[in-house]
PDB file of N, CA and C in Angstrom:
ATOM      1  N   MET A   1       0.620  -1.033  -0.051  1.00  0.00           N
ATOM      2  CA  MET A   1       0.025   0.075   0.262  1.00  0.00           C
ATOM      3  C   MET A   1       0.763   1.422  -0.229  1.00  0.00           C
ATOM      4  N   TRP A   2       0.043   2.442   0.382  1.00  0.00           N
ATOM      5  CA  TRP A   2       0.996   3.560   0.155  1.00  0.00           C
ATOM      6  C   TRP A   2       0.684   4.554   1.445  1.00  0.00           C
ATOM      7  N   ILE A   3       1.888   4.998   2.062  1.00  0.00           N
ATOM      8  CA  ILE A   3       1.575   6.077   3.368  1.00  0.00           C
ATOM      9  C   ILE A   3       2.454   7.415   2.592  1.00  0.00           C
ATOM     10  N   VAL A   4       1.651   8.099   2.766  1.00  0.00           N
ATOM     11  CA  VAL A   4       2.435   9.592   2.542  1.00  0.00           C
ATOM     12  C   VAL A   4       3.964   9.626   3.236  1.00  0.00           C
ATOM     13  N   PRO A   5       4.910   9.863   2.908  1.00  0.00           N
ATOM     14  CA  PRO A   5       6.504   9.998   3.429  1.00  0.00           C
ATOM     15  C   PRO A   5       6.057  11.168   4.493  1.00  0.00           C
ATOM     16  N   GLU A   6       6.878  11.328   5.106  1.00  0.00           N
ATOM     17  CA  GLU A   6       7.459  12.527   6.060  1.00  0.00           C
ATOM     18  C   GLU A   6       7.696  13.600   4.969  1.00  0.00           C
ATOM     19  N   SER A   7       8.705  13.408   4.194  1.00  0.00           N
ATOM     20  CA  SER A   7       9.255  14.416   3.229  1.00  0.00           C
ATOM     21  C   SER A   7       7.884  14.889   2.412  1.00  0.00           C
ATOM     22  N   LEU A   8       7.085  14.415   2.125  1.00  0.00           N
ATOM     23  CA  LEU A   8       5.807  15.208   1.646  1.00  0.00           C
ATOM     24  C   LEU A   8       5.104  15.842   2.401  1.00  0.00           C
ATOM     25  N   LYS A   9       4.974  15.262   3.569  1.00  0.00           N
ATOM     26  CA  LYS A   9       4.305  15.949   4.862  1.00  0.00           C
ATOM     27  C   LYS A   9       4.903  17.484   5.083  1.00  0.00           C
ATOM     28  N   ASP A  10       6.088  17.419   5.065  1.00  0.00           N
ATOM     29  CA  ASP A  10       6.937  18.498   5.516  1.00  0.00           C
ATOM     30  C   ASP A  10       6.571  19.789   4.495  1.00  0.00           C
ATOM     31  N   ILE A  11       6.507  19.216   3.123  1.00  0.00           N
ATOM     32  CA  ILE A  11       6.171  20.173   2.392  1.00  0.00           C
ATOM     33  C   ILE A  11       5.049  20.603   2.131  1.00  0.00           C
ATOM     34  N   GLU A  12       3.735  20.061   2.633  1.00  0.00           N
ATOM     35  CA  GLU A  12       2.328  20.392   2.916  1.00  0.00           C
ATOM     36  C   GLU A  12       2.410  21.353   3.969  1.00  0.00           C
ATOM     37  N   LYS A  13       3.130  20.974   5.098  1.00  0.00           N
ATOM     38  CA  LYS A  13       2.822  21.886   6.146  1.00  0.00           C
ATOM     39  C   LYS A  13       3.734  23.186   5.892  1.00  0.00           C
ATOM     40  N   ALA A  14       4.665  23.293   4.951  1.00  0.00           N
ATOM     41  CA  ALA A  14       5.212  24.556   4.333  1.00  0.00           C
ATOM     42  C   ALA A  14       4.177  25.257   3.841  1.00  0.00           C
ATOM     43  N   GLY A  15       3.069  24.664   3.382  1.00  0.00           N
ATOM     44  CA  GLY A  15       2.078  25.396   2.506  1.00  0.00           C
ATOM     45  C   GLY A  15       1.988  25.146   1.096  1.00  0.00           C
ATOM     46  N   ASP A  16       2.650  24.356   0.768  1.00  0.00           N
ATOM     47  CA  ASP A  16       2.852  24.360  -0.735  1.00  0.00           C
ATOM     48  C   ASP A  16       2.206  22.777  -1.272  1.00  0.00           C
ATOM     49  N   ASP A  17       0.835  22.493  -1.151  1.00  0.00           N
ATOM     50  CA  ASP A  17       0.149  21.110  -1.825  1.00  0.00           C
ATOM     51  C   ASP A  17       0.711  20.948  -3.207  1.00  0.00           C
ATOM     52  N   SER A  18       0.400  22.070  -3.810  1.00  0.00           N
ATOM     53  CA  SER A  18       0.718  21.750  -5.296  1.00  0.00           C
ATOM     54  C   SER A  18       1.811  21.167  -5.649  1.00  0.00           C
ATOM     55  N   ILE A  19       2.989  21.381  -5.096  1.00  0.00           N
ATOM     56  CA  ILE A  19       4.041  20.687  -5.168  1.00  0.00           C
ATOM     57  C   ILE A  19       4.019  19.278  -5.109  1.00  0.00           C
ATOM     58  N   VAL A  20       3.341  18.887  -3.850  1.00  0.00           N
ATOM     59  CA  VAL A  20       3.368  17.714  -3.641  1.00  0.00           C
ATOM     60  C   VAL A  20       2.203  16.863  -4.516  1.00  0.00           C
ATOM     61  N   LEU A  21       1.284  17.621  -5.010  1.00  0.00           N
ATOM     62  CA  LEU A  21       0.567  17.085  -6.304  1.00  0.00           C
ATOM     63  C   LEU A  21       1.073  16.657  -7.348  1.00  0.00           C
ATOM     64  N   GLU A  22       1.971  17.740  -7.700  1.00  0.00           N
ATOM     65  CA  GLU A  22       3.208  17.700  -8.963  1.00  0.00           C
ATOM     66  C   GLU A  22       3.677  16.367  -8.817  1.00  0.00           C
ATOM     67  N   LEU A  23       4.199  16.311  -7.610  1.00  0.00           N
ATOM     68  CA  LEU A  23       5.350  14.897  -7.447  1.00  0.00           C
ATOM     69  C   LEU A  23       4.557  13.705  -7.547  1.00  0.00           C
ATOM     70  N   ILE A  24       3.727  13.933  -7.172  1.00  0.00           N
ATOM     71  CA  ILE A  24       2.800  12.364  -7.266  1.00  0.00           C
ATOM     72  C   ILE A  24       2.435  12.020  -8.483  1.00  0.00           C
ATOM     73  N   ASP A  25       1.970  13.181  -9.331  1.00  0.00           N
ATOM     74  CA  ASP A  25       1.584  12.921 -10.711  1.00  0.00           C
ATOM     75  C   ASP A  25       2.713  12.648 -11.401  1.00  0.00           C
ATOM     76  N   SER A  26       4.145  13.354 -11.298  1.00  0.00           N
ATOM     77  CA  SER A  26       5.211  12.849 -11.917  1.00  0.00           C
ATOM     78  C   SER A  26       5.428  11.488 -11.644  1.00  0.00           C
ATOM     79  N   PHE A  27       5.358  11.123 -10.437  1.00  0.00           N
ATOM     80  CA  PHE A  27       6.081   9.761  -9.982  1.00  0.00           C
ATOM     81  C   PHE A  27       4.961   8.823 -10.831  1.00  0.00           C
ATOM     82  N   GLN A  28       3.912   9.233 -10.875  1.00  0.00           N
ATOM     83  CA  GLN A  28       2.675   7.986 -11.459  1.00  0.00           C
ATOM     84  C   GLN A  28       2.912   7.827 -13.012  1.00  0.00           C
ATOM     85  N   ASP A  29       3.532   8.959 -13.832  1.00  0.00           N
ATOM     86  CA  ASP A  29       3.630   8.950 -15.121  1.00  0.00           C
ATOM     87  C   ASP A  29       4.852   8.271 -15.314  1.00  0.00           C
ATOM     88  N   ASP A  30       5.856   8.853 -14.386  1.00  0.00           N
ATOM     89  CA  ASP A  30       7.583   8.142 -14.848  1.00  0.00           C
ATOM     90  C   ASP A  30       7.415   6.979 -14.534  1.00  0.00           C
ATOM     91  N   THR A  31       6.717   6.360 -13.574  1.00  0.00           N
ATOM     92  CA  THR A  31       6.675   5.020 -12.999  1.00  0.00           C
ATOM     93  C   THR A  31       6.092   3.944 -13.828  1.00  0.00           C
ATOM     94  N   ALA A  32       4.702   4.101 -14.476  1.00  0.00           N
ATOM     95  CA  ALA A  32       4.084   3.815 -15.392  1.00  0.00           C
ATOM     96  C   ALA A  32       5.041   3.295 -16.694  1.00  0.00           C
ATOM     97  N   SER A  33       5.901   4.577 -17.142  1.00  0.00           N
ATOM     98  CA  SER A  33       6.609   4.507 -18.440  1.00  0.00           C
ATOM     99  C   SER A  33       7.684   3.253 -18.068  1.00  0.00           C
ATOM    100  N   ARG A  34       8.606   3.600 -16.888  1.00  0.00           N
ATOM    101  CA  ARG A  34       9.424   2.479 -16.702  1.00  0.00           C
ATOM    102  C   ARG A  34       9.035   1.326 -16.513  1.00  0.00           C
ATOM    103  N   LEU A  35       7.707   1.279 -15.839  1.00  0.00           N
ATOM    104  CA  LEU A  35       7.513  -0.595 -15.772  1.00  0.00           C
ATOM    105  C   LEU A  35       7.121  -0.940 -17.139  1.00  0.00           C
ATOM    106  N   GLN A  36       6.644   0.020 -18.063  1.00  0.00           N
ATOM    107  CA  GLN A  36       6.566  -0.619 -19.745  1.00  0.00           C
ATOM    108  C   GLN A  36       7.851  -1.066 -20.110  1.00  0.00           C
ATOM    109  N   ARG A  37       8.931   0.177 -19.882  1.00  0.00           N
ATOM    110  CA  ARG A  37      10.311  -0.504 -20.531  1.00  0.00           C
ATOM    111  C   ARG A  37      10.774  -1.484 -19.880  1.00  0.00           C
ATOM    112  N   LEU A  38      10.605  -1.645 -18.411  1.00  0.00           N
ATOM    113  CA  LEU A  38      11.079  -2.923 -17.946  1.00  0.00           C
ATOM    114  C   LEU A  38      10.500  -4.104 -18.440  1.00  0.00           C
ATOM    115  N   HIS A  39       9.296  -4.168 -18.654  1.00  0.00           N
ATOM    116  CA  HIS A  39       8.503  -5.415 -19.311  1.00  0.00           C
ATOM    117  C   HIS A  39       9.226  -5.490 -20.722  1.00  0.00           C
ATOM    118  N   GLU A  40       9.625  -4.560 -21.266  1.00  0.00           N
ATOM    119  CA  GLU A  40      10.118  -4.936 -22.669  1.00  0.00           C
ATOM    120  C   GLU A  40      11.493  -5.190 -22.695  1.00  0.00           C
ATOM    121  N   ALA A  41      12.128  -4.814 -21.570  1.00  0.00           N
ATOM    122  CA  ALA A  41      13.776  -5.245 -21.262  1.00  0.00           C
ATOM    123  C   ALA A  41      13.580  -7.083 -20.886  1.00  0.00           C
ATOM    124  N   VAL A  42      12.596  -7.391 -20.452  1.00  0.00           N
ATOM    125  CA  VAL A  42      12.654  -8.649 -20.129  1.00  0.00           C
ATOM    126  C   VAL A  42      12.448  -9.684 -21.060  1.00  0.00           C
ATOM    127  N   ALA A  43      11.440  -9.051 -22.149  1.00  0.00           N
ATOM    128  CA  ALA A  43      11.048  -9.702 -23.180  1.00  0.00           C
ATOM    129  C   ALA A  43      12.249  -9.802 -24.199  1.00  0.00           C
ATOM    130  N   ARG A  44      12.936  -8.702 -24.248  1.00  0.00           N
ATOM    131  CA  ARG A  44      14.233  -8.802 -24.914  1.00  0.00           C
ATOM    132  C   ARG A  44      15.374  -9.099 -24.530  1.00  0.00           C
ATOM    133  N   PHE A  45      15.437  -9.739 -23.194  1.00  0.00           N
ATOM    134  CA  PHE A  45      16.584 -10.729 -22.280  1.00  0.00           C
ATOM    135  C   PHE A  45      17.170  -9.392 -22.142  1.00  0.00           C
ATOM    136  N   ASP A  46      17.243  -8.428 -22.084  1.00  0.00           N
ATOM    137  CA  ASP A  46      18.286  -7.148 -21.575  1.00  0.00           C
ATOM    138  C   ASP A  46      18.400  -7.301 -20.200  1.00  0.00           C
ATOM    139  N   ALA A  47      19.630  -7.888 -19.561  1.00  0.00           N
ATOM    140  CA  ALA A  47      19.537  -7.488 -18.223  1.00  0.00           C
ATOM    141  C   ALA A  47      20.256  -6.516 -17.704  1.00  0.00           C
ATOM    142  N   ASP A  48      21.145  -6.015 -18.712  1.00  0.00           N
ATOM    143  CA  ASP A  48      21.158  -4.463 -18.078  1.00  0.00           C
ATOM    144  C   ASP A  48      20.314  -3.439 -17.924  1.00  0.00           C
ATOM    145  N   ARG A  49      19.478  -3.246 -19.293  1.00  0.00           N
ATOM    146  CA  ARG A  49      18.381  -2.548 -19.034  1.00  0.00           C
ATOM    147  C   ARG A  49      17.449  -2.671 -17.825  1.00  0.00           C
ATOM    148  N   VAL A  50      17.072  -4.047 -17.677  1.00  0.00           N
ATOM    149  CA  VAL A  50      16.252  -4.736 -16.771  1.00  0.00           C
ATOM    150  C   VAL A  50      16.712  -3.868 -15.084  1.00  0.00           C
ATOM    151  N   LYS A  51      18.161  -4.208 -15.104  1.00  0.00           N
ATOM    152  CA  LYS A  51      18.683  -3.880 -13.787  1.00  0.00           C
ATOM    153  C   LYS A  51      18.694  -1.923 -13.828  1.00  0.00           C
ATOM    154  N   ALA A  52      18.755  -1.249 -14.888  1.00  0.00           N
ATOM    155  CA  ALA A  52      18.685  -0.076 -14.880  1.00  0.00           C
ATOM    156  C   ALA A  52      17.306   0.623 -14.797  1.00  0.00           C
ATOM    157  N   GLU A  53      16.266  -0.109 -14.799  1.00  0.00           N
ATOM    158  CA  GLU A  53      14.978   0.413 -14.830  1.00  0.00           C
ATOM    159  C   GLU A  53      14.443   0.138 -13.392  1.00  0.00           C
ATOM    160  N   ALA A  54      14.523  -1.035 -13.188  1.00  0.00           N
ATOM    161  CA  ALA A  54      14.212  -1.835 -11.765  1.00  0.00           C
ATOM    162  C   ALA A  54      15.141  -0.364 -10.619  1.00  0.00           C
ATOM    163  N   HIS A  55      16.260  -0.023 -10.861  1.00  0.00           N
ATOM    164  CA  HIS A  55      16.983   0.657 -10.073  1.00  0.00           C
ATOM    165  C   HIS A  55      16.048   2.036 -10.037  1.00  0.00           C
ATOM    166  N   SER A  56      15.767   2.549 -11.140  1.00  0.00           N
ATOM    167  CA  SER A  56      15.275   3.746 -11.102  1.00  0.00           C
ATOM    168  C   SER A  56      13.734   3.697 -10.618  1.00  0.00           C
ATOM    169  N   VAL A  57      12.814   2.522 -10.650  1.00  0.00           N
ATOM    170  CA  VAL A  57      11.581   2.576  -9.944  1.00  0.00           C
ATOM    171  C   VAL A  57      11.912   2.672  -8.482  1.00  0.00           C
ATOM    172  N   ARG A  58      12.786   1.762  -8.246  1.00  0.00           N
ATOM    173  CA  ARG A  58      13.178   1.694  -6.775  1.00  0.00           C
ATOM    174  C   ARG A  58      13.246   2.862  -5.965  1.00  0.00           C
ATOM    175  N   GLY A  59      14.279   3.522  -6.636  1.00  0.00           N
ATOM    176  CA  GLY A  59      14.469   4.951  -5.926  1.00  0.00           C
ATOM    177  C   GLY A  59      13.614   5.762  -6.067  1.00  0.00           C
ATOM    178  N   ALA A  60      12.875   6.084  -6.985  1.00  0.00           N
ATOM    179  CA  ALA A  60      11.730   6.709  -7.046  1.00  0.00           C
ATOM    180  C   ALA A  60      10.437   6.537  -6.001  1.00  0.00           C
ATOM    181  N   ALA A  61      10.336   4.975  -6.069  1.00  0.00           N
ATOM    182  CA  ALA A  61       9.258   4.378  -5.282  1.00  0.00           C
ATOM    183  C   ALA A  61       9.712   4.853  -3.466  1.00  0.00           C
ATOM    184  N   ARG A  62      11.078   4.720  -3.387  1.00  0.00           N
ATOM    185  CA  ARG A  62      11.265   4.958  -1.847  1.00  0.00           C
ATOM    186  C   ARG A  62      11.219   6.318  -1.613  1.00  0.00           C
ATOM    187  N   GLN A  63      11.465   7.030  -2.450  1.00  0.00           N
ATOM    188  CA  GLN A  63      11.274   8.602  -2.211  1.00  0.00           C
ATOM    189  C   GLN A  63       9.873   8.941  -2.026  1.00  0.00           C
ATOM    190  N   MET A  64       8.838   8.476  -2.487  1.00  0.00           N
ATOM    191  CA  MET A  64       7.430   8.556  -2.531  1.00  0.00           C
ATOM    192  C   MET A  64       6.760   8.091  -1.627  1.00  0.00           C
ATOM    193  N   GLY A  65       7.492   7.054  -0.835  1.00  0.00           N
ATOM    194  CA  GLY A  65       6.770   6.057   0.183  1.00  0.00           C
ATOM    195  C   GLY A  65       6.024   4.914  -0.149  1.00  0.00           C
ATOM    196  N   ALA A  66       6.320   4.388  -1.465  1.00  0.00           N
ATOM    197  CA  ALA A  66       6.033   2.954  -1.870  1.00  0.00           C
ATOM    198  C   ALA A  66       7.030   2.026  -1.630  1.00  0.00           C
ATOM    199  N   GLU A  67       7.215   1.759  -0.414  1.00  0.00           N
ATOM    200  CA  GLU A  67       8.093   0.865  -0.036  1.00  0.00           C
ATOM    201  C   GLU A  67       8.142  -0.839  -0.473  1.00  0.00           C
ATOM    202  N   GLY A  68       6.514  -0.984  -0.627  1.00  0.00           N
ATOM    203  CA  GLY A  68       6.330  -2.486  -1.262  1.00  0.00           C
ATOM    204  C   GLY A  68       6.803  -2.565  -2.688  1.00  0.00           C
ATOM    205  N   LEU A  69       6.735  -1.422  -3.555  1.00  0.00           N
ATOM    206  CA  LEU A  69       6.995  -1.351  -4.813  1.00  0.00           C
ATOM    207  C   LEU A  69       8.438  -1.292  -5.024  1.00  0.00           C
ATOM    208  N   ALA A  70       9.178  -0.445  -4.192  1.00  0.00           N
ATOM    209  CA  ALA A  70      10.671  -0.538  -4.005  1.00  0.00           C
ATOM    210  C   ALA A  70      11.199  -1.788  -3.448  1.00  0.00           C
ATOM    211  N   GLU A  71      10.684  -2.590  -2.753  1.00  0.00           N
ATOM    212  CA  GLU A  71      11.098  -3.890  -2.573  1.00  0.00           C
ATOM    213  C   GLU A  71      10.872  -4.744  -3.632  1.00  0.00           C
ATOM    214  N   LEU A  72       9.908  -4.923  -4.248  1.00  0.00           N
ATOM    215  CA  LEU A  72       9.728  -5.746  -5.450  1.00  0.00           C
ATOM    216  C   LEU A  72      11.011  -5.348  -6.341  1.00  0.00           C
ATOM    217  N   CYS A  73      11.041  -4.033  -6.734  1.00  0.00           N
ATOM    218  CA  CYS A  73      12.102  -3.545  -7.740  1.00  0.00           C
ATOM    219  C   CYS A  73      13.438  -4.107  -7.330  1.00  0.00           C
ATOM    220  N   ARG A  74      13.833  -4.027  -5.813  1.00  0.00           N
ATOM    221  CA  ARG A  74      14.960  -4.266  -5.618  1.00  0.00           C
ATOM    222  C   ARG A  74      15.266  -5.740  -5.769  1.00  0.00           C
ATOM    223  N   ALA A  75      14.382  -6.694  -5.784  1.00  0.00           N
ATOM    224  CA  ALA A  75      14.396  -8.129  -6.327  1.00  0.00           C
ATOM    225  C   ALA A  75      14.515  -8.135  -7.511  1.00  0.00           C
ATOM    226  N   VAL A  76      14.201  -7.207  -8.461  1.00  0.00           N
ATOM    227  CA  VAL A  76      14.087  -7.586  -9.986  1.00  0.00           C
ATOM    228  C   VAL A  76      15.653  -6.961 -10.138  1.00  0.00           C
ATOM    229  N   GLU A  77      16.131  -5.897  -9.621  1.00  0.00           N
ATOM    230  CA  GLU A  77      17.556  -5.368  -9.653  1.00  0.00           C
ATOM    231  C   GLU A  77      18.287  -6.600  -9.324  1.00  0.00           C
ATOM    232  N   ALA A  78      18.436  -7.026  -8.253  1.00  0.00           N
ATOM    233  CA  ALA A  78      19.290  -8.083  -7.942  1.00  0.00           C
ATOM    234  C   ALA A  78      19.399  -9.220  -8.832  1.00  0.00           C
ATOM    235  N   GLY A  79      17.873  -9.672  -9.230  1.00  0.00           N
ATOM    236  CA  GLY A  79      17.871 -10.940  -9.881  1.00  0.00           C
ATOM    237  C   GLY A  79      18.103 -10.804 -11.652  1.00  0.00           C
ATOM    238  N   ALA A  80      18.468  -9.572 -12.134  1.00  0.00           N
ATOM    239  CA  ALA A  80      18.913  -9.515 -13.359  1.00  0.00           C
ATOM    240  C   ALA A  80      19.801 -10.109 -13.856  1.00  0.00           C
ATOM    241  N   PRO A  81      21.127 -10.005 -12.773  1.00  0.00           N
ATOM    242  CA  PRO A  81      22.197 -10.428 -13.418  1.00  0.00           C
ATOM    243  C   PRO A  81      22.163 -12.167 -13.588  1.00  0.00           C
ATOM    244  N   GLN A  82      21.341 -12.733 -13.099  1.00  0.00           N
ATOM    245  CA  GLN A  82      21.044 -14.043 -13.028  1.00  0.00           C
ATOM    246  C   GLN A  82      20.214 -14.867 -14.267  1.00  0.00           C
ATOM    247  N   ARG A  83      19.889 -13.927 -14.591  1.00  0.00           N
ATOM    248  CA  ARG A  83      19.048 -13.978 -16.322  1.00  0.00           C
ATOM    249  C   ARG A  83      17.828 -14.871 -16.218  1.00  0.00           C
ATOM    250  N   ASN A  84      17.315 -15.154 -15.022  1.00  0.00           N
ATOM    251  CA  ASN A  84      16.107 -16.037 -14.775  1.00  0.00           C
ATOM    252  C   ASN A  84      14.945 -15.239 -15.188  1.00  0.00           C
ATOM    253  N   TRP A  85      14.791 -15.345 -16.636  1.00  0.00           N
ATOM    254  CA  TRP A  85      13.722 -14.423 -16.995  1.00  0.00           C
ATOM    255  C   TRP A  85      12.300 -15.060 -16.798  1.00  0.00           C
ATOM    256  N   PRO A  86      11.980 -15.956 -16.595  1.00  0.00           N
ATOM    257  CA  PRO A  86      10.238 -16.239 -16.042  1.00  0.00           C
ATOM    258  C   PRO A  86      10.205 -15.971 -14.746  1.00  0.00           C
ATOM    259  N   GLU A  87      11.376 -15.855 -13.503  1.00  0.00           N
ATOM    260  CA  GLU A  87      11.160 -15.190 -12.283  1.00  0.00           C
ATOM    261  C   GLU A  87      11.236 -13.813 -12.550  1.00  0.00           C
ATOM    262  N   LEU A  88      11.965 -13.225 -13.311  1.00  0.00           N
ATOM    263  CA  LEU A  88      11.862 -11.825 -13.696  1.00  0.00           C
ATOM    264  C   LEU A  88      10.552 -11.239 -13.838  1.00  0.00           C
ATOM    265  N   GLU A  89      10.045 -12.007 -15.107  1.00  0.00           N
ATOM    266  CA  GLU A  89       8.829 -11.486 -15.689  1.00  0.00           C
ATOM    267  C   GLU A  89       7.684 -11.389 -14.273  1.00  0.00           C
ATOM    268  N   ASP A  90       8.024 -12.536 -13.608  1.00  0.00           N
ATOM    269  CA  ASP A  90       6.752 -12.726 -12.595  1.00  0.00           C
ATOM    270  C   ASP A  90       7.155 -11.653 -11.512  1.00  0.00           C
ATOM    271  N   GLN A  91       8.430 -11.060 -11.380  1.00  0.00           N
ATOM    272  CA  GLN A  91       8.622 -10.188 -10.233  1.00  0.00           C
ATOM    273  C   GLN A  91       7.887  -8.794 -10.981  1.00  0.00           C
ATOM    274  N   VAL A  92       8.424  -8.643 -12.419  1.00  0.00           N
ATOM    275  CA  VAL A  92       7.870  -7.320 -12.784  1.00  0.00           C
ATOM    276  C   VAL A  92       6.341  -7.049 -12.952  1.00  0.00           C
ATOM    277  N   ASN A  93       5.711  -8.603 -13.136  1.00  0.00           N
ATOM    278  CA  ASN A  93       4.090  -8.528 -13.170  1.00  0.00           C
ATOM    279  C   ASN A  93       3.768  -8.085 -11.509  1.00  0.00           C
ATOM    280  N   ARG A  94       4.544  -8.427 -10.560  1.00  0.00           N
ATOM    281  CA  ARG A  94       3.886  -8.123  -9.271  1.00  0.00           C
ATOM    282  C   ARG A  94       4.066  -6.880  -8.986  1.00  0.00           C
ATOM    283  N   ALA A  95       5.368  -6.378  -9.285  1.00  0.00           N
ATOM    284  CA  ALA A  95       5.616  -4.854  -8.918  1.00  0.00           C
ATOM    285  C   ALA A  95       4.746  -3.916 -10.007  1.00  0.00           C
ATOM    286  N   GLU A  96       4.001  -4.475 -11.172  1.00  0.00           N
ATOM    287  CA  GLU A  96       3.023  -3.600 -11.519  1.00  0.00           C
ATOM    288  C   GLU A  96       1.880  -3.655 -11.018  1.00  0.00           C
ATOM    289  N   VAL A  97       1.344  -4.878 -10.363  1.00  0.00           N
ATOM    290  CA  VAL A  97       0.244  -4.983  -9.628  1.00  0.00           C
ATOM    291  C   VAL A  97       0.171  -4.127  -8.672  1.00  0.00           C
ATOM    292  N   HIS A  98       1.486  -4.256  -7.767  1.00  0.00           N
ATOM    293  CA  HIS A  98       1.548  -3.192  -6.413  1.00  0.00           C
ATOM    294  C   HIS A  98       1.437  -1.644  -6.988  1.00  0.00           C
ATOM    295  N   PHE A  99       2.070  -1.387  -8.146  1.00  0.00           N
ATOM    296  CA  PHE A  99       2.203  -0.088  -8.511  1.00  0.00           C
ATOM    297  C   PHE A  99       0.569   0.349  -8.775  1.00  0.00           C
ATOM    298  N   ALA A 100      -0.252  -0.665  -9.457  1.00  0.00           N
ATOM    299  CA  ALA A 100      -1.668  -0.205  -9.509  1.00  0.00           C
ATOM    300  C   ALA A 100      -2.271   0.312  -8.225  1.00  0.00           C
ATOM    301  N   GLU A 101      -1.945  -0.735  -7.062  1.00  0.00           N
ATOM    302  CA  GLU A 101      -2.547  -0.256  -5.781  1.00  0.00           C
ATOM    303  C   GLU A 101      -2.112   1.058  -5.071  1.00  0.00           C
ATOM    304  N   VAL A 102      -0.624   1.271  -5.411  1.00  0.00           N
ATOM    305  CA  VAL A 102       0.034   2.583  -4.829  1.00  0.00           C
ATOM    306  C   VAL A 102      -0.902   3.760  -5.612  1.00  0.00           C
ATOM    307  N   ARG A 103      -0.905   3.684  -7.073  1.00  0.00           N
ATOM    308  CA  ARG A 103      -1.353   4.694  -7.701  1.00  0.00           C
ATOM    309  C   ARG A 103      -2.929   4.830  -7.310  1.00  0.00           C
ATOM    310  N   ILE A 104      -3.634   3.823  -7.255  1.00  0.00           N
ATOM    311  CA  ILE A 104      -5.418   4.218  -6.472  1.00  0.00           C
ATOM    312  C   ILE A 104      -5.150   4.903  -5.048  1.00  0.00           C
ATOM    313  N   ALA A 105      -4.276   4.610  -4.250  1.00  0.00           N
ATOM    314  CA  ALA A 105      -4.048   5.074  -2.950  1.00  0.00           C
ATOM    315  C   ALA A 105      -3.757   6.420  -3.005  1.00  0.00           C
ATOM    316  N   MET A 106      -2.693   6.912  -4.183  1.00  0.00           N
ATOM    317  CA  MET A 106      -2.044   7.976  -4.351  1.00  0.00           C
ATOM    318  C   MET A 106      -3.321   8.956  -4.913  1.00  0.00           C
ATOM    319  N   SER A 107      -4.078   8.410  -6.144  1.00  0.00           N
ATOM    320  CA  SER A 107      -5.171   9.238  -6.662  1.00  0.00           C
ATOM    321  C   SER A 107      -6.128   9.421  -5.735  1.00  0.00           C
ATOM    322  N   GLU A 108      -6.426   8.600  -4.772  1.00  0.00           N
ATOM    323  CA  GLU A 108      -7.553   8.886  -3.842  1.00  0.00           C
ATOM    324  C   GLU A 108      -7.156   9.990  -2.852  1.00  0.00           C
ATOM    325  N   TYR A 109      -5.687  10.167  -2.355  1.00  0.00           N
ATOM    326  CA  TYR A 109      -5.026  11.125  -1.391  1.00  0.00           C
ATOM    327  C   TYR A 109      -5.267  12.568  -2.708  1.00  0.00           C
ATOM    328  N   VAL A 110      -4.653  12.266  -3.632  1.00  0.00           N
ATOM    329  CA  VAL A 110      -4.777  13.787  -4.670  1.00  0.00           C
ATOM    330  C   VAL A 110      -6.295  14.169  -4.666  1.00  0.00           C
ATOM    331  N   SER A 111      -7.063  13.290  -4.824  1.00  0.00           N
ATOM    332  CA  SER A 111      -8.527  13.927  -5.002  1.00  0.00           C
ATOM    333  C   SER A 111      -9.015  14.380  -3.781  1.00  0.00           C
ATOM    334  N   GLY A 112      -8.631  13.748  -2.561  1.00  0.00           N
ATOM    335  CA  GLY A 112      -9.171  14.559  -1.441  1.00  0.00           C
ATOM    336  C   GLY A 112      -8.291  15.974  -1.252  1.00  0.00           C
ATOM    337  N   LYS A 113      -7.237  15.714  -1.658  1.00  0.00           N
ATOM    338  CA  LYS A 113      -6.491  17.134  -1.573  1.00  0.00           C
ATOM    339  C   LYS A 113      -7.402  18.195  -2.348  1.00  0.00           C
ATOM    340  N   ARG A 114      -7.497  17.969  -3.543  1.00  0.00           N
ATOM    341  CA  ARG A 114      -8.303  19.132  -4.519  1.00  0.00           C
ATOM    342  C   ARG A 114      -9.584  19.259  -4.149  1.00  0.00           C
ATOM    343  N   ARG A 115     -10.111  18.442  -3.161  1.00  0.00           N
ATOM    344  CA  ARG A 115     -11.603  18.731  -2.851  1.00  0.00           C
ATOM    345  C   ARG A 115     -11.610  19.481  -1.392  1.00  0.00           C
ATOM    346  N   GLY A 116     -10.478  19.969  -0.934  1.00  0.00           N
ATOM    347  CA  GLY A 116     -10.027  20.581   0.248  1.00  0.00           C
ATOM    348  C   GLY A 116     -10.055  19.860   1.444  1.00  0.00           C
ATOM    349  N   ARG A 117      -9.790  18.516   1.784  1.00  0.00           N
ATOM    350  CA  ARG A 117      -9.912  17.661   2.890  1.00  0.00           C
ATOM    351  C   ARG A 117      -8.518  17.944   3.560  1.00  0.00           C
TER     352      ARG A 117
END
């Protein structure tokens, strides 16, 4: 699931909700694109690209409080050199499902902020 990280709460407390909403929107768009590229890299058996994309998603997910997604991507990144393609595909699929859950939670949070809650 997703919990608003302290760093975003601090930005909100400083009085700039719009930055937080932009960060969430950017994270969602970037992560969706990176997960697509991750699937493509697995399909092409490109271990270097798998590792690079998983690393990028992992870092962004940690910064945005999506720890479960970050852990799944850590496993993909660590597993890329072994080139166990069926396992990597399964892990990427699990990461995508987890991202969908995070995205829903983030979207609900954003909707609440825009309604003024």
